[in-house]
Amino acid sequence: MLKLGVYRTDQCIQTHGGLLAWLRRDHVDYRLLRTSSPPSPLEVKVFETITREMQLTSGVFRTTSLGRFCDLDVWLNQILVKQFARETELEVQDWAASDCITSAAWHERLTEVFPRVRLTASDLNLHLIEMHVTGQGSYVFEATGGVLQFIAPPFVVRLNPPEPRRLCVNRILAWWAQARLERLRREYKIDPAVMAFPDGVKEVRRGPLVFRRIPLIHPQAIRLSRATGSFRIEQHSVFEPANRPAHVIRTMNILNRGYFESALLDCGARSAWWSLVPGGIWIVGRTMQEAPPIHHVSVLRKSGNGFELLERNVEKSEIEHLALALKI
């Protein structure tokens, strides 16, 4: 068996039924995340469709959507107004924010109750990197160096996570693409994880190899970050303390047992503690249902050398007990 792939924008809007649609399903070229400036409605729709299904080499899904946290934002703001004065220069950080569109929506609601708020949306992956081999297809990497895809139309081949065993043709192509990639790495001494793109430079060449960035940030979030200094987008790992102390940190759909073992979850909790001002708020939870959205969330306050519980939304976070047991 085999799967082909979606590698043109027009293929994204074709009918979902039939054999051809099945042959392309789950194999979408990540280069289609690129949009014009300003983006067309179709480009935005394609971007949102891809990011809803994207899985990184770590196993983490970047599932997100514009209205996903609408009700949760309202509920959280009601808690925050009880903890901080309206005139506070509230420093808010939204960690593991994926394409940052939910962060942009939260920023809009926060400014209604905290006019001087500053919100920083962060994620470890703000862009992907395309490596085009002249006349021989393209690879797509994470910014940290992990390879995700090989594209040679009409095929879009998954390299990580790997193709399932039943897709024998795709697995053969994946093996060939991986072997060639190792030869290219040795010959041209390339490492996408340290590939530098100077300001204003859209592509970098190494012999027959051409490197280009593929943005992972929603066009609306990019537009907001350019329009106001109160909304910023930065690269950051949830396992490292932030560069600036925050009054509020939110970590949704990242610190859970489906992704990480207890040792790493403990590391994430410690990062949050060290990144908060005394009395700061940590919001940690997981979306348990998408339609309608149901979130299990714990709101914790930094107290002494650990955290104390303030509120819960529906049910407690699955790592609440770990957070409350933390001792610094």
C-alpha atoms as a PDB file:
ATOM      1  CA  MET A   1       0.000   0.000   0.000  1.00  0.00           C
ATOM      2  CA  LEU A   2       0.983   3.637  -0.377  1.00  0.00           C
ATOM      3  CA  LYS A   3      -0.052   7.209   0.336  1.00  0.00           C
ATOM      4  CA  LEU A   4       0.673  10.197  -1.905  1.00  0.00           C
ATOM      5  CA  GLY A   5       0.323  13.651  -0.407  1.00  0.00           C
ATOM      6  CA  VAL A   6      -1.058  17.167  -0.497  1.00  0.00           C
ATOM      7  CA  TYR A   7       1.639  19.498  -1.810  1.00  0.00           C
ATOM      8  CA  ARG A   8      -0.435  22.269  -3.475  1.00  0.00           C
ATOM      9  CA  THR A   9      -2.911  24.666  -1.859  1.00  0.00           C
ATOM     10  CA  ASP A  10      -5.679  23.768  -4.316  1.00  0.00           C
ATOM     11  CA  GLN A  11      -5.470  20.129  -3.216  1.00  0.00           C
ATOM     12  CA  CYS A  12      -6.433  21.190   0.324  1.00  0.00           C
ATOM     13  CA  ILE A  13      -9.883  22.335  -0.766  1.00  0.00           C
ATOM     14  CA  GLN A  14     -10.772  19.406  -2.990  1.00  0.00           C
ATOM     15  CA  THR A  15     -13.444  16.931  -1.945  1.00  0.00           C
ATOM     16  CA  HIS A  16     -12.703  14.750   1.088  1.00  0.00           C
ATOM     17  CA  GLY A  17     -14.240  11.653  -0.495  1.00  0.00           C
ATOM     18  CA  GLY A  18     -12.925   9.125  -2.975  1.00  0.00           C
ATOM     19  CA  LEU A  19      -9.743   7.164  -3.500  1.00  0.00           C
ATOM     20  CA  LEU A  20      -7.536  10.169  -4.311  1.00  0.00           C
ATOM     21  CA  ALA A  21      -8.537  11.911  -1.091  1.00  0.00           C
ATOM     22  CA  TRP A  22      -7.669   8.734   0.875  1.00  0.00           C
ATOM     23  CA  LEU A  23      -4.311   8.486  -0.875  1.00  0.00           C
ATOM     24  CA  ARG A  24      -3.445  12.028   0.277  1.00  0.00           C
ATOM     25  CA  ARG A  25      -4.944  11.981   3.783  1.00  0.00           C
ATOM     26  CA  ASP A  26      -2.549  12.612   6.702  1.00  0.00           C
ATOM     27  CA  HIS A  27       0.288  13.466   4.319  1.00  0.00           C
ATOM     28  CA  VAL A  28       0.254  17.249   3.951  1.00  0.00           C
ATOM     29  CA  ASP A  29       3.339  19.177   2.889  1.00  0.00           C
ATOM     30  CA  TYR A  30       4.326  21.465   5.788  1.00  0.00           C
ATOM     31  CA  ARG A  31       5.672  24.012   3.308  1.00  0.00           C
ATOM     32  CA  LEU A  32       2.010  24.975   2.765  1.00  0.00           C
ATOM     33  CA  LEU A  33       2.206  26.733   6.138  1.00  0.00           C
ATOM     34  CA  ARG A  34       3.780  29.680   4.334  1.00  0.00           C
ATOM     35  CA  THR A  35       1.359  32.547   3.737  1.00  0.00           C
ATOM     36  CA  SER A  36       1.379  35.797   1.795  1.00  0.00           C
ATOM     37  CA  SER A  37       1.444  39.205   3.446  1.00  0.00           C
ATOM     38  CA  PRO A  38      -1.362  39.835   4.059  1.00  0.00           C
ATOM     39  CA  PRO A  39      -2.539  36.203   3.934  1.00  0.00           C
ATOM     40  CA  SER A  40      -5.558  35.169   1.904  1.00  0.00           C
ATOM     41  CA  PRO A  41      -8.503  33.508   3.705  1.00  0.00           C
ATOM     42  CA  LEU A  42      -7.605  30.234   1.980  1.00  0.00           C
ATOM     43  CA  GLU A  43      -4.004  30.414   3.178  1.00  0.00           C
ATOM     44  CA  VAL A  44      -5.183  30.997   6.754  1.00  0.00           C
ATOM     45  CA  LYS A  45      -7.589  28.069   6.489  1.00  0.00           C
ATOM     46  CA  VAL A  46      -4.825  25.786   5.202  1.00  0.00           C
ATOM     47  CA  PHE A  47      -2.458  26.969   7.959  1.00  0.00           C
ATOM     48  CA  GLU A  48      -5.050  26.213  10.643  1.00  0.00           C
ATOM     49  CA  THR A  49      -5.856  22.803   9.152  1.00  0.00           C
ATOM     50  CA  ILE A  50      -2.209  21.741   9.152  1.00  0.00           C
ATOM     51  CA  THR A  51      -1.428  22.962  12.669  1.00  0.00           C
ATOM     52  CA  ARG A  52      -4.433  21.097  14.088  1.00  0.00           C
ATOM     53  CA  GLU A  53      -2.901  17.802  12.970  1.00  0.00           C
ATOM     54  CA  MET A  54       0.847  18.427  13.225  1.00  0.00           C
ATOM     55  CA  GLN A  55       2.908  16.085  15.409  1.00  0.00           C
ATOM     56  CA  LEU A  56       6.515  16.903  16.325  1.00  0.00           C
ATOM     57  CA  THR A  57       9.414  14.469  16.737  1.00  0.00           C
ATOM     58  CA  SER A  58       8.907  14.621  20.522  1.00  0.00           C
ATOM     59  CA  GLY A  59       5.432  13.150  20.047  1.00  0.00           C
ATOM     60  CA  VAL A  60       3.791  16.447  21.031  1.00  0.00           C
ATOM     61  CA  PHE A  61       0.805  17.558  18.935  1.00  0.00           C
ATOM     62  CA  ARG A  62       0.397  21.275  18.166  1.00  0.00           C
ATOM     63  CA  THR A  63      -3.412  21.002  18.234  1.00  0.00           C
ATOM     64  CA  THR A  64      -4.961  24.451  18.628  1.00  0.00           C
ATOM     65  CA  SER A  65      -7.708  26.691  17.266  1.00  0.00           C
ATOM     66  CA  LEU A  66      -8.855  30.283  17.611  1.00  0.00           C
ATOM     67  CA  GLY A  67     -11.797  29.819  20.006  1.00  0.00           C
ATOM     68  CA  ARG A  68     -10.441  26.856  21.932  1.00  0.00           C
ATOM     69  CA  PHE A  69      -9.914  28.697  25.243  1.00  0.00           C
ATOM     70  CA  CYS A  70     -12.672  31.324  24.946  1.00  0.00           C
ATOM     71  CA  ASP A  71     -14.677  30.238  28.012  1.00  0.00           C
ATOM     72  CA  LEU A  72     -11.523  29.317  29.899  1.00  0.00           C
ATOM     73  CA  ASP A  73     -10.076  32.817  29.352  1.00  0.00           C
ATOM     74  CA  VAL A  74     -13.193  34.426  30.843  1.00  0.00           C
ATOM     75  CA  TRP A  75     -13.048  32.106  33.859  1.00  0.00           C
ATOM     76  CA  LEU A  76      -9.326  32.747  34.393  1.00  0.00           C
ATOM     77  CA  ASN A  77      -9.704  36.512  34.165  1.00  0.00           C
ATOM     78  CA  GLN A  78     -12.324  36.426  36.917  1.00  0.00           C
ATOM     79  CA  ILE A  79      -9.750  34.756  39.150  1.00  0.00           C
ATOM     80  CA  LEU A  80      -6.926  37.114  38.218  1.00  0.00           C
ATOM     81  CA  VAL A  81      -8.899  40.273  39.005  1.00  0.00           C
ATOM     82  CA  LYS A  82      -9.235  38.976  42.568  1.00  0.00           C
ATOM     83  CA  GLN A  83      -5.466  38.483  42.851  1.00  0.00           C
ATOM     84  CA  PHE A  84      -4.083  41.621  41.169  1.00  0.00           C
ATOM     85  CA  ALA A  85      -5.056  45.286  41.070  1.00  0.00           C
ATOM     86  CA  ARG A  86      -6.385  46.621  37.777  1.00  0.00           C
ATOM     87  CA  GLU A  87      -3.470  49.091  37.441  1.00  0.00           C
ATOM     88  CA  THR A  88      -0.822  46.355  37.830  1.00  0.00           C
ATOM     89  CA  GLU A  89       1.690  46.101  35.002  1.00  0.00           C
ATOM     90  CA  LEU A  90       0.730  42.468  34.758  1.00  0.00           C
ATOM     91  CA  GLU A  91       3.407  40.251  33.240  1.00  0.00           C
ATOM     92  CA  VAL A  92       1.732  37.175  31.721  1.00  0.00           C
ATOM     93  CA  GLN A  93       3.495  34.290  29.998  1.00  0.00           C
ATOM     94  CA  ASP A  94       1.729  31.647  27.917  1.00  0.00           C
ATOM     95  CA  TRP A  95       4.123  28.711  27.576  1.00  0.00           C
ATOM     96  CA  ALA A  96       3.972  26.028  24.857  1.00  0.00           C
ATOM     97  CA  ALA A  97       1.563  28.290  22.977  1.00  0.00           C
ATOM     98  CA  SER A  98       1.865  26.419  19.638  1.00  0.00           C
ATOM     99  CA  ASP A  99       0.855  28.881  16.895  1.00  0.00           C
ATOM    100  CA  CYS A 100       0.081  31.575  19.551  1.00  0.00           C
ATOM    101  CA  ILE A 101      -3.447  32.250  18.283  1.00  0.00           C
ATOM    102  CA  THR A 102      -5.033  31.346  21.638  1.00  0.00           C
ATOM    103  CA  SER A 103      -2.471  33.622  23.322  1.00  0.00           C
ATOM    104  CA  ALA A 104      -3.504  36.493  21.048  1.00  0.00           C
ATOM    105  CA  ALA A 105      -7.171  35.917  21.952  1.00  0.00           C
ATOM    106  CA  TRP A 106      -6.330  35.852  25.679  1.00  0.00           C
ATOM    107  CA  HIS A 107      -4.338  39.083  25.315  1.00  0.00           C
ATOM    108  CA  GLU A 108      -7.429  40.777  23.881  1.00  0.00           C
ATOM    109  CA  ARG A 109      -9.576  39.691  26.845  1.00  0.00           C
ATOM    110  CA  LEU A 110      -6.886  40.498  29.411  1.00  0.00           C
ATOM    111  CA  THR A 111      -6.524  44.085  28.193  1.00  0.00           C
ATOM    112  CA  GLU A 112     -10.196  44.624  29.061  1.00  0.00           C
ATOM    113  CA  VAL A 113      -9.469  44.073  32.772  1.00  0.00           C
ATOM    114  CA  PHE A 114      -5.731  44.867  32.949  1.00  0.00           C
ATOM    115  CA  PRO A 115      -4.991  47.799  30.598  1.00  0.00           C
ATOM    116  CA  ARG A 116      -1.239  47.606  31.332  1.00  0.00           C
ATOM    117  CA  VAL A 117      -0.871  43.884  30.735  1.00  0.00           C
ATOM    118  CA  ARG A 118       2.102  42.468  28.802  1.00  0.00           C
ATOM    119  CA  LEU A 119       1.659  38.967  27.453  1.00  0.00           C
ATOM    120  CA  THR A 120       4.524  36.867  26.094  1.00  0.00           C
ATOM    121  CA  ALA A 121       3.538  33.817  24.075  1.00  0.00           C
ATOM    122  CA  SER A 122       6.316  31.270  23.735  1.00  0.00           C
ATOM    123  CA  ASP A 123       7.038  27.899  22.232  1.00  0.00           C
ATOM    124  CA  LEU A 124      10.131  25.832  21.561  1.00  0.00           C
ATOM    125  CA  ASN A 125       9.237  25.635  17.862  1.00  0.00           C
ATOM    126  CA  LEU A 126       8.452  28.974  16.213  1.00  0.00           C
ATOM    127  CA  HIS A 127       9.387  27.843  12.718  1.00  0.00           C
ATOM    128  CA  LEU A 128      10.384  24.824  10.641  1.00  0.00           C
ATOM    129  CA  ILE A 129      13.226  24.691   8.131  1.00  0.00           C
ATOM    130  CA  GLU A 130      12.963  23.507   4.555  1.00  0.00           C
ATOM    131  CA  MET A 131      16.064  22.044   2.938  1.00  0.00           C
ATOM    132  CA  HIS A 132      15.534  21.895  -0.817  1.00  0.00           C
ATOM    133  CA  VAL A 133      17.899  19.687  -2.808  1.00  0.00           C
ATOM    134  CA  THR A 134      18.018  21.230  -6.289  1.00  0.00           C
ATOM    135  CA  GLY A 135      15.924  19.089  -8.611  1.00  0.00           C
ATOM    136  CA  GLN A 136      15.594  16.273  -6.056  1.00  0.00           C
ATOM    137  CA  GLY A 137      12.878  17.205  -3.579  1.00  0.00           C
ATOM    138  CA  SER A 138      12.835  18.806  -0.130  1.00  0.00           C
ATOM    139  CA  TYR A 139      13.212  17.874   3.532  1.00  0.00           C
ATOM    140  CA  VAL A 140      11.384  19.618   6.374  1.00  0.00           C
ATOM    141  CA  PHE A 141      13.090  19.898   9.761  1.00  0.00           C
ATOM    142  CA  GLU A 142      12.191  21.223  13.153  1.00  0.00           C
ATOM    143  CA  ALA A 143      14.274  24.214  14.210  1.00  0.00           C
ATOM    144  CA  THR A 144      15.904  21.899  16.764  1.00  0.00           C
ATOM    145  CA  GLY A 145      17.140  19.652  13.932  1.00  0.00           C
ATOM    146  CA  GLY A 146      14.688  16.751  13.940  1.00  0.00           C
ATOM    147  CA  VAL A 147      13.577  15.772  10.437  1.00  0.00           C
ATOM    148  CA  LEU A 148       9.820  15.506   9.821  1.00  0.00           C
ATOM    149  CA  GLN A 149       9.156  15.026   6.101  1.00  0.00           C
ATOM    150  CA  PHE A 150      10.583  14.337   2.692  1.00  0.00           C
ATOM    151  CA  ILE A 151       8.634  15.804  -0.245  1.00  0.00           C
ATOM    152  CA  ALA A 152       9.034  14.616  -3.820  1.00  0.00           C
ATOM    153  CA  PRO A 153       5.689  15.223  -5.561  1.00  0.00           C
ATOM    154  CA  PRO A 154       3.369  13.427  -5.770  1.00  0.00           C
ATOM    155  CA  PHE A 155       4.728  11.935  -2.521  1.00  0.00           C
ATOM    156  CA  VAL A 156       4.831  13.553   0.900  1.00  0.00           C
ATOM    157  CA  VAL A 157       6.693  11.016   3.056  1.00  0.00           C
ATOM    158  CA  ARG A 158       6.657  11.085   6.857  1.00  0.00           C
ATOM    159  CA  LEU A 159      10.063  10.513   8.405  1.00  0.00           C
ATOM    160  CA  ASN A 160       9.282  11.266  12.046  1.00  0.00           C
ATOM    161  CA  PRO A 161       6.948   9.929  13.308  1.00  0.00           C
ATOM    162  CA  PRO A 162       7.611   7.112  10.812  1.00  0.00           C
ATOM    163  CA  GLU A 163       5.259   5.765   8.211  1.00  0.00           C
ATOM    164  CA  PRO A 164       3.124   2.805   9.364  1.00  0.00           C
ATOM    165  CA  ARG A 165       4.238  -0.656   8.250  1.00  0.00           C
ATOM    166  CA  ARG A 166       1.268  -1.139   5.950  1.00  0.00           C
ATOM    167  CA  LEU A 167       2.480   1.699   3.694  1.00  0.00           C
ATOM    168  CA  CYS A 168       5.354  -0.309   2.265  1.00  0.00           C
ATOM    169  CA  VAL A 169       6.061   2.040  -0.667  1.00  0.00           C
ATOM    170  CA  ASN A 170       6.250   5.041   1.652  1.00  0.00           C
ATOM    171  CA  ARG A 171       8.561   3.149   4.020  1.00  0.00           C
ATOM    172  CA  ILE A 172      10.945   2.342   1.153  1.00  0.00           C
ATOM    173  CA  LEU A 173      10.959   6.012   0.104  1.00  0.00           C
ATOM    174  CA  ALA A 174      11.521   7.035   3.730  1.00  0.00           C
ATOM    175  CA  TRP A 175      14.491   4.666   4.059  1.00  0.00           C
ATOM    176  CA  TRP A 176      16.027   6.022   0.843  1.00  0.00           C
ATOM    177  CA  ALA A 177      15.420   9.638   1.918  1.00  0.00           C
ATOM    178  CA  GLN A 178      16.996   9.061   5.336  1.00  0.00           C
ATOM    179  CA  ALA A 179      20.050   7.379   3.816  1.00  0.00           C
ATOM    180  CA  ARG A 180      20.539  10.228   1.344  1.00  0.00           C
ATOM    181  CA  LEU A 181      20.082  12.783   4.120  1.00  0.00           C
ATOM    182  CA  GLU A 182      22.936  11.223   6.084  1.00  0.00           C
ATOM    183  CA  ARG A 183      25.181  11.447   3.007  1.00  0.00           C
ATOM    184  CA  LEU A 184      24.245  15.115   2.523  1.00  0.00           C
ATOM    185  CA  ARG A 185      24.940  15.848   6.194  1.00  0.00           C
ATOM    186  CA  ARG A 186      28.427  14.398   5.900  1.00  0.00           C
ATOM    187  CA  GLU A 187      29.257  15.947   2.531  1.00  0.00           C
ATOM    188  CA  TYR A 188      28.062  19.484   3.264  1.00  0.00           C
ATOM    189  CA  LYS A 189      28.459  19.422   7.064  1.00  0.00           C
ATOM    190  CA  ILE A 190      24.921  20.746   7.593  1.00  0.00           C
ATOM    191  CA  ASP A 191      22.979  21.002  10.839  1.00  0.00           C
ATOM    192  CA  PRO A 192      19.561  22.683  10.543  1.00  0.00           C
ATOM    193  CA  ALA A 193      19.523  23.223  14.318  1.00  0.00           C
ATOM    194  CA  VAL A 194      22.290  25.843  14.012  1.00  0.00           C
ATOM    195  CA  MET A 195      21.320  27.242  10.616  1.00  0.00           C
ATOM    196  CA  ALA A 196      21.457  31.045  10.883  1.00  0.00           C
ATOM    197  CA  PHE A 197      19.177  33.328   8.891  1.00  0.00           C
ATOM    198  CA  PRO A 198      20.457  36.926   9.153  1.00  0.00           C
ATOM    199  CA  ASP A 199      17.820  39.660   9.259  1.00  0.00           C
ATOM    200  CA  GLY A 200      16.184  40.104   5.883  1.00  0.00           C
ATOM    201  CA  VAL A 201      17.726  36.914   4.452  1.00  0.00           C
ATOM    202  CA  LYS A 202      15.031  34.506   3.267  1.00  0.00           C
ATOM    203  CA  GLU A 203      17.254  31.651   2.098  1.00  0.00           C
ATOM    204  CA  VAL A 204      20.718  30.267   2.755  1.00  0.00           C
ATOM    205  CA  ARG A 205      22.618  28.169   0.184  1.00  0.00           C
ATOM    206  CA  ARG A 206      25.108  25.355   0.714  1.00  0.00           C
ATOM    207  CA  GLY A 207      26.054  23.997  -2.720  1.00  0.00           C
ATOM    208  CA  PRO A 208      22.904  22.393  -4.168  1.00  0.00           C
ATOM    209  CA  LEU A 209      21.082  22.799  -0.836  1.00  0.00           C
ATOM    210  CA  VAL A 210      18.749  25.745  -0.239  1.00  0.00           C
ATOM    211  CA  PHE A 211      17.438  26.419   3.284  1.00  0.00           C
ATOM    212  CA  ARG A 212      14.271  28.432   3.965  1.00  0.00           C
ATOM    213  CA  ARG A 213      12.179  29.037   7.076  1.00  0.00           C
ATOM    214  CA  ILE A 214       8.574  27.893   7.379  1.00  0.00           C
ATOM    215  CA  PRO A 215       6.629  29.911   9.998  1.00  0.00           C
ATOM    216  CA  LEU A 216       4.657  28.107  12.677  1.00  0.00           C
ATOM    217  CA  ILE A 217       3.030  31.233  14.123  1.00  0.00           C
ATOM    218  CA  HIS A 218      -0.536  32.083  13.102  1.00  0.00           C
ATOM    219  CA  PRO A 219      -0.669  35.148  10.814  1.00  0.00           C
ATOM    220  CA  GLN A 220      -3.073  36.902  13.200  1.00  0.00           C
ATOM    221  CA  ALA A 221      -0.668  36.449  16.101  1.00  0.00           C
ATOM    222  CA  ILE A 222       2.214  37.787  14.011  1.00  0.00           C
ATOM    223  CA  ARG A 223       0.122  40.812  13.046  1.00  0.00           C
ATOM    224  CA  LEU A 224      -0.745  41.517  16.697  1.00  0.00           C
ATOM    225  CA  SER A 225       2.886  41.256  17.819  1.00  0.00           C
ATOM    226  CA  ARG A 226       3.831  43.831  15.198  1.00  0.00           C
ATOM    227  CA  ALA A 227       0.966  46.152  16.115  1.00  0.00           C
ATOM    228  CA  THR A 228       1.533  46.390  19.867  1.00  0.00           C
ATOM    229  CA  GLY A 229       4.419  46.064  22.299  1.00  0.00           C
ATOM    230  CA  SER A 230       2.135  44.451  24.874  1.00  0.00           C
ATOM    231  CA  PHE A 231       2.076  41.163  22.949  1.00  0.00           C
ATOM    232  CA  ARG A 232       5.349  39.389  22.253  1.00  0.00           C
ATOM    233  CA  ILE A 233       6.351  36.043  20.774  1.00  0.00           C
ATOM    234  CA  GLU A 234       9.533  34.317  21.958  1.00  0.00           C
ATOM    235  CA  GLN A 235      11.237  30.945  21.824  1.00  0.00           C
ATOM    236  CA  HIS A 236      11.250  29.156  25.168  1.00  0.00           C
ATOM    237  CA  SER A 237      11.128  25.644  26.626  1.00  0.00           C
ATOM    238  CA  VAL A 238       8.752  24.806  29.477  1.00  0.00           C
ATOM    239  CA  PHE A 239      11.650  23.006  31.138  1.00  0.00           C
ATOM    240  CA  GLU A 240      13.704  26.177  31.536  1.00  0.00           C
ATOM    241  CA  PRO A 241      12.971  29.191  33.779  1.00  0.00           C
ATOM    242  CA  ALA A 242      11.957  32.334  31.921  1.00  0.00           C
ATOM    243  CA  ASN A 243      14.318  35.264  31.470  1.00  0.00           C
ATOM    244  CA  ARG A 244      11.847  37.623  33.190  1.00  0.00           C
ATOM    245  CA  PRO A 245       9.707  36.954  36.292  1.00  0.00           C
ATOM    246  CA  ALA A 246       5.964  36.787  35.625  1.00  0.00           C
ATOM    247  CA  HIS A 247       2.817  37.386  37.623  1.00  0.00           C
ATOM    248  CA  VAL A 248       0.990  34.687  35.668  1.00  0.00           C
ATOM    249  CA  ILE A 249       2.158  31.621  33.726  1.00  0.00           C
ATOM    250  CA  ARG A 250      -0.137  29.349  31.734  1.00  0.00           C
ATOM    251  CA  THR A 251       0.898  25.878  30.548  1.00  0.00           C
ATOM    252  CA  MET A 252      -1.985  24.189  28.764  1.00  0.00           C
ATOM    253  CA  ASN A 253      -1.812  20.790  27.034  1.00  0.00           C
ATOM    254  CA  ILE A 254       1.915  20.293  27.457  1.00  0.00           C
ATOM    255  CA  LEU A 255       2.784  19.106  30.983  1.00  0.00           C
ATOM    256  CA  ASN A 256       0.852  15.851  31.021  1.00  0.00           C
ATOM    257  CA  ARG A 257       1.678  12.174  31.427  1.00  0.00           C
ATOM    258  CA  GLY A 258       0.814  11.402  27.844  1.00  0.00           C
ATOM    259  CA  TYR A 259       3.949  13.276  26.799  1.00  0.00           C
ATOM    260  CA  PHE A 260       6.440  13.170  29.677  1.00  0.00           C
ATOM    261  CA  GLU A 261       7.628  11.060  32.606  1.00  0.00           C
ATOM    262  CA  SER A 262       7.427  12.304  36.198  1.00  0.00           C
ATOM    263  CA  ALA A 263      11.015  13.595  36.253  1.00  0.00           C
ATOM    264  CA  LEU A 264      10.393  15.959  33.348  1.00  0.00           C
ATOM    265  CA  LEU A 265       7.004  17.012  34.716  1.00  0.00           C
ATOM    266  CA  ASP A 266       8.722  17.886  37.996  1.00  0.00           C
ATOM    267  CA  CYS A 267      11.289  19.889  36.010  1.00  0.00           C
ATOM    268  CA  GLY A 268       8.465  21.807  34.305  1.00  0.00           C
ATOM    269  CA  ALA A 269       6.831  22.573  37.666  1.00  0.00           C
ATOM    270  CA  ARG A 270      10.125  23.858  39.045  1.00  0.00           C
ATOM    271  CA  SER A 271      10.613  26.050  35.971  1.00  0.00           C
ATOM    272  CA  ALA A 272       7.205  27.594  36.579  1.00  0.00           C
ATOM    273  CA  TRP A 273       7.979  28.220  40.277  1.00  0.00           C
ATOM    274  CA  TRP A 274      11.308  29.887  39.559  1.00  0.00           C
ATOM    275  CA  SER A 275       9.717  32.023  36.827  1.00  0.00           C
ATOM    276  CA  LEU A 276       6.984  33.504  39.038  1.00  0.00           C
ATOM    277  CA  VAL A 277       7.086  36.495  41.376  1.00  0.00           C
ATOM    278  CA  PRO A 278       6.092  35.721  45.002  1.00  0.00           C
ATOM    279  CA  GLY A 279       2.359  35.151  45.021  1.00  0.00           C
ATOM    280  CA  GLY A 280       2.378  34.562  41.259  1.00  0.00           C
ATOM    281  CA  ILE A 281      -0.188  32.324  39.560  1.00  0.00           C
ATOM    282  CA  TRP A 282       0.476  29.112  37.626  1.00  0.00           C
ATOM    283  CA  ILE A 283      -2.343  27.809  35.409  1.00  0.00           C
ATOM    284  CA  VAL A 284      -1.812  24.191  34.405  1.00  0.00           C
ATOM    285  CA  GLY A 285      -4.233  21.889  32.647  1.00  0.00           C
ATOM    286  CA  ARG A 286      -5.314  19.802  29.709  1.00  0.00           C
ATOM    287  CA  THR A 287      -8.132  19.905  27.158  1.00  0.00           C
ATOM    288  CA  MET A 288     -10.082  16.681  27.618  1.00  0.00           C
ATOM    289  CA  GLN A 289     -12.687  17.288  24.899  1.00  0.00           C
ATOM    290  CA  GLU A 290     -12.600  19.523  21.841  1.00  0.00           C
ATOM    291  CA  ALA A 291     -16.272  20.002  20.861  1.00  0.00           C
ATOM    292  CA  PRO A 292     -17.512  21.516  23.039  1.00  0.00           C
ATOM    293  CA  PRO A 293     -14.201  22.286  24.765  1.00  0.00           C
ATOM    294  CA  ILE A 294     -13.797  20.810  28.243  1.00  0.00           C
ATOM    295  CA  HIS A 295     -10.632  21.679  30.161  1.00  0.00           C
ATOM    296  CA  HIS A 296      -9.352  20.190  33.409  1.00  0.00           C
ATOM    297  CA  VAL A 297      -7.363  23.018  34.990  1.00  0.00           C
ATOM    298  CA  SER A 298      -5.699  23.768  38.311  1.00  0.00           C
ATOM    299  CA  VAL A 299      -4.906  27.359  39.291  1.00  0.00           C
ATOM    300  CA  LEU A 300      -1.982  27.406  41.727  1.00  0.00           C
ATOM    301  CA  ARG A 301      -0.316  30.219  43.655  1.00  0.00           C
ATOM    302  CA  LYS A 302       3.391  30.403  44.462  1.00  0.00           C
ATOM    303  CA  SER A 303       3.678  30.276  48.222  1.00  0.00           C
ATOM    304  CA  GLY A 304       6.866  29.865  50.250  1.00  0.00           C
ATOM    305  CA  ASN A 305       8.830  27.024  48.688  1.00  0.00           C
ATOM    306  CA  GLY A 306       5.982  25.461  46.725  1.00  0.00           C
ATOM    307  CA  PHE A 307       2.454  25.970  45.413  1.00  0.00           C
ATOM    308  CA  GLU A 308      -0.998  26.171  46.960  1.00  0.00           C
ATOM    309  CA  LEU A 309      -4.312  25.495  45.233  1.00  0.00           C
ATOM    310  CA  LEU A 310      -6.588  28.429  44.389  1.00  0.00           C
ATOM    311  CA  GLU A 311      -9.225  27.096  41.972  1.00  0.00           C
ATOM    312  CA  ARG A 312     -10.127  24.232  39.659  1.00  0.00           C
ATOM    313  CA  ASN A 313     -11.966  24.244  36.357  1.00  0.00           C
ATOM    314  CA  VAL A 314     -14.222  21.147  35.980  1.00  0.00           C
ATOM    315  CA  GLU A 315     -11.588  18.730  37.338  1.00  0.00           C
ATOM    316  CA  LYS A 316      -8.059  19.071  38.653  1.00  0.00           C
ATOM    317  CA  SER A 317      -5.039  18.962  36.382  1.00  0.00           C
ATOM    318  CA  GLU A 318      -3.562  15.487  36.140  1.00  0.00           C
ATOM    319  CA  ILE A 319      -0.287  16.819  37.593  1.00  0.00           C
ATOM    320  CA  GLU A 320      -1.873  18.889  40.381  1.00  0.00           C
ATOM    321  CA  HIS A 321      -0.674  16.479  43.076  1.00  0.00           C
ATOM    322  CA  LEU A 322       2.869  16.657  41.692  1.00  0.00           C
ATOM    323  CA  ALA A 323       2.774  20.462  41.733  1.00  0.00           C
ATOM    324  CA  LEU A 324       1.399  20.648  45.269  1.00  0.00           C
ATOM    325  CA  ALA A 325       4.043  18.206  46.500  1.00  0.00           C
ATOM    326  CA  LEU A 326       6.838  20.344  45.050  1.00  0.00           C
ATOM    327  CA  LYS A 327       9.382  21.646  47.524  1.00  0.00           C
ATOM    328  CA  ILE A 328      12.107  24.020  46.351  1.00  0.00           C
END
